[in-house]
């Protein structure tokens, strides 16, 4: 179950990344972009932290 949820979240995040980059996500401190040959690997640690805190606050407000 957790693996399926992780895969689904990864697909949604990958699809939403171009839209989220307009708002600065993917370019925050702690967001790493690694270029290896012709490939680019994005590790959005900072953006993940911001989105996690926002989701937590929203859940607290709705409760």
N, C-alpha and C. Protein backbone atom coordinates (compact mmCIF):
# COMPACT_ATOMS: atom_id res chain seq x y z
N UNK A 1 0.81 -1.19 0.00
CA UNK A 1 0.00 0.00 0.00
C UNK A 1 0.86 1.26 0.00
N UNK A 2 1.90 1.30 0.87
CA UNK A 2 2.77 2.48 0.94
C UNK A 2 3.55 2.67 -0.36
N UNK A 3 3.97 1.57 -0.97
CA UNK A 3 4.71 1.66 -2.22
C UNK A 3 3.83 2.26 -3.31
N UNK A 4 2.59 1.84 -3.38
CA UNK A 4 1.66 2.38 -4.37
C UNK A 4 1.42 3.87 -4.13
N UNK A 5 1.27 4.26 -2.89
CA UNK A 5 1.08 5.67 -2.55
C UNK A 5 2.31 6.50 -2.91
N UNK A 6 3.49 5.97 -2.65
CA UNK A 6 4.73 6.67 -2.99
C UNK A 6 4.86 6.84 -4.50
N UNK A 7 4.56 5.80 -5.26
CA UNK A 7 4.63 5.88 -6.72
C UNK A 7 3.63 6.90 -7.26
N UNK A 8 2.43 6.87 -6.74
CA UNK A 8 1.40 7.82 -7.17
C UNK A 8 1.81 9.26 -6.84
N UNK A 9 2.35 9.48 -5.66
CA UNK A 9 2.80 10.82 -5.27
C UNK A 9 3.96 11.29 -6.15
N UNK A 10 4.85 10.38 -6.52
CA UNK A 10 5.97 10.73 -7.40
C UNK A 10 5.49 11.12 -8.79
N UNK A 11 4.51 10.40 -9.30
CA UNK A 11 3.97 10.72 -10.62
C UNK A 11 3.27 12.08 -10.61
N UNK A 12 2.48 12.33 -9.58
CA UNK A 12 1.78 13.61 -9.47
C UNK A 12 2.78 14.75 -9.32
N UNK A 13 3.80 14.57 -8.50
CA UNK A 13 4.81 15.61 -8.30
C UNK A 13 5.59 15.88 -9.58
N UNK A 14 5.91 14.84 -10.32
CA UNK A 14 6.63 15.02 -11.58
C UNK A 14 5.78 15.76 -12.60
N UNK A 15 4.50 15.47 -12.63
CA UNK A 15 3.61 16.15 -13.57
C UNK A 15 3.38 17.60 -13.17
N UNK A 16 3.37 17.88 -11.88
CA UNK A 16 3.09 19.24 -11.39
C UNK A 16 4.35 20.10 -11.30
N UNK A 17 5.52 19.52 -11.48
CA UNK A 17 6.76 20.27 -11.30
C UNK A 17 6.87 21.49 -12.22
N UNK A 18 6.58 21.40 -13.51
CA UNK A 18 6.67 22.61 -14.34
C UNK A 18 5.74 23.73 -13.85
N UNK A 19 4.57 23.38 -13.38
CA UNK A 19 3.64 24.38 -12.86
C UNK A 19 4.15 24.97 -11.54
N UNK A 20 4.69 24.11 -10.67
CA UNK A 20 5.18 24.58 -9.37
C UNK A 20 6.45 25.42 -9.50
N UNK A 21 7.25 25.20 -10.56
CA UNK A 21 8.48 25.98 -10.73
C UNK A 21 8.17 27.46 -10.97
N UNK A 22 6.99 27.78 -11.48
CA UNK A 22 6.62 29.18 -11.67
C UNK A 22 6.48 29.91 -10.35
N UNK A 23 6.22 29.16 -9.28
CA UNK A 23 6.06 29.75 -7.94
C UNK A 23 7.32 29.62 -7.10
N UNK A 24 8.42 29.17 -7.70
CA UNK A 24 9.70 29.10 -6.99
C UNK A 24 10.03 27.74 -6.42
N UNK A 25 9.13 26.79 -6.50
CA UNK A 25 9.45 25.46 -5.99
C UNK A 25 10.43 24.79 -6.93
N UNK A 26 11.39 24.10 -6.36
CA UNK A 26 12.46 23.51 -7.15
C UNK A 26 13.68 24.40 -7.21
N UNK A 27 13.56 25.62 -6.69
CA UNK A 27 14.68 26.56 -6.66
C UNK A 27 14.91 27.10 -5.26
N UNK A 28 14.34 26.47 -4.26
CA UNK A 28 14.53 26.90 -2.88
C UNK A 28 15.87 26.40 -2.35
N UNK A 29 16.36 26.98 -1.25
CA UNK A 29 17.56 26.41 -0.63
C UNK A 29 17.29 24.94 -0.27
N UNK A 30 18.26 24.13 -0.37
CA UNK A 30 18.22 22.68 -0.16
C UNK A 30 17.64 21.90 -1.35
N UNK A 31 17.21 22.57 -2.42
CA UNK A 31 16.78 21.89 -3.63
C UNK A 31 18.02 21.66 -4.49
N UNK A 32 18.32 20.43 -4.74
CA UNK A 32 19.53 20.07 -5.48
C UNK A 32 19.20 19.67 -6.91
N UNK A 33 19.96 20.19 -7.86
CA UNK A 33 19.85 19.79 -9.27
C UNK A 33 21.21 19.24 -9.67
N UNK A 34 21.23 17.98 -10.04
CA UNK A 34 22.48 17.33 -10.43
C UNK A 34 22.41 17.00 -11.92
N UNK A 35 23.43 17.40 -12.65
CA UNK A 35 23.51 17.06 -14.07
C UNK A 35 24.54 15.95 -14.23
N UNK A 36 24.08 14.87 -14.83
CA UNK A 36 24.95 13.73 -15.10
C UNK A 36 24.82 13.43 -16.59
N UNK A 37 25.78 13.89 -17.35
CA UNK A 37 25.70 13.72 -18.80
C UNK A 37 24.55 14.54 -19.35
N UNK A 38 23.62 13.89 -20.04
CA UNK A 38 22.46 14.56 -20.61
C UNK A 38 21.26 14.54 -19.68
N UNK A 39 21.41 13.94 -18.52
CA UNK A 39 20.29 13.79 -17.59
C UNK A 39 20.40 14.80 -16.45
N UNK A 40 19.26 15.21 -15.96
CA UNK A 40 19.21 16.11 -14.81
C UNK A 40 18.39 15.45 -13.71
N UNK A 41 18.94 15.39 -12.52
CA UNK A 41 18.27 14.80 -11.37
C UNK A 41 17.92 15.91 -10.39
N UNK A 42 16.65 16.00 -10.04
CA UNK A 42 16.19 17.02 -9.10
C UNK A 42 15.85 16.36 -7.77
N UNK A 43 16.45 16.86 -6.71
CA UNK A 43 16.16 16.41 -5.35
C UNK A 43 15.58 17.59 -4.59
N UNK A 44 14.25 17.76 -4.59
CA UNK A 44 13.62 18.95 -4.00
C UNK A 44 13.40 18.81 -2.50
N UNK A 45 14.46 18.81 -1.73
CA UNK A 45 14.35 18.64 -0.29
C UNK A 45 13.67 19.85 0.36
N UNK A 46 14.11 21.05 0.00
CA UNK A 46 13.52 22.26 0.57
C UNK A 46 12.06 22.44 0.19
N UNK A 47 11.74 22.19 -1.07
CA UNK A 47 10.35 22.32 -1.52
C UNK A 47 9.46 21.29 -0.84
N UNK A 48 9.99 20.09 -0.63
CA UNK A 48 9.23 19.05 0.05
C UNK A 48 8.92 19.47 1.49
N UNK A 49 9.89 20.06 2.16
CA UNK A 49 9.66 20.52 3.53
C UNK A 49 8.59 21.61 3.58
N UNK A 50 8.63 22.56 2.65
CA UNK A 50 7.65 23.64 2.62
C UNK A 50 6.25 23.08 2.35
N UNK A 51 6.12 22.19 1.37
CA UNK A 51 4.82 21.61 1.05
C UNK A 51 4.30 20.73 2.19
N UNK A 52 5.19 20.04 2.88
CA UNK A 52 4.77 19.20 4.01
C UNK A 52 4.23 20.05 5.16
N UNK A 53 4.90 21.14 5.45
CA UNK A 53 4.43 22.03 6.51
C UNK A 53 3.09 22.66 6.12
N UNK A 54 2.95 23.05 4.86
CA UNK A 54 1.68 23.63 4.40
C UNK A 54 0.54 22.61 4.49
N UNK A 55 0.80 21.37 4.12
CA UNK A 55 -0.22 20.33 4.21
C UNK A 55 -0.57 20.05 5.67
N UNK A 56 0.43 20.05 6.56
CA UNK A 56 0.19 19.82 7.98
C UNK A 56 -0.67 20.94 8.56
N UNK A 57 -0.34 22.19 8.21
CA UNK A 57 -1.12 23.32 8.71
C UNK A 57 -2.56 23.28 8.20
N UNK A 58 -2.73 22.93 6.95
CA UNK A 58 -4.09 22.80 6.38
C UNK A 58 -4.88 21.71 7.10
N UNK A 59 -4.24 20.59 7.38
CA UNK A 59 -4.92 19.51 8.09
C UNK A 59 -5.29 19.93 9.51
N UNK A 60 -4.42 20.69 10.16
CA UNK A 60 -4.72 21.17 11.52
C UNK A 60 -5.88 22.15 11.52
N UNK A 61 -5.95 23.00 10.49
CA UNK A 61 -7.03 23.98 10.42
C UNK A 61 -8.37 23.33 10.10
N UNK A 62 -8.35 22.28 9.33
CA UNK A 62 -9.60 21.61 8.94
C UNK A 62 -10.12 20.65 10.01
N UNK A 63 -9.30 20.34 10.96
CA UNK A 63 -9.69 19.39 12.01
C UNK A 63 -10.54 20.01 13.04
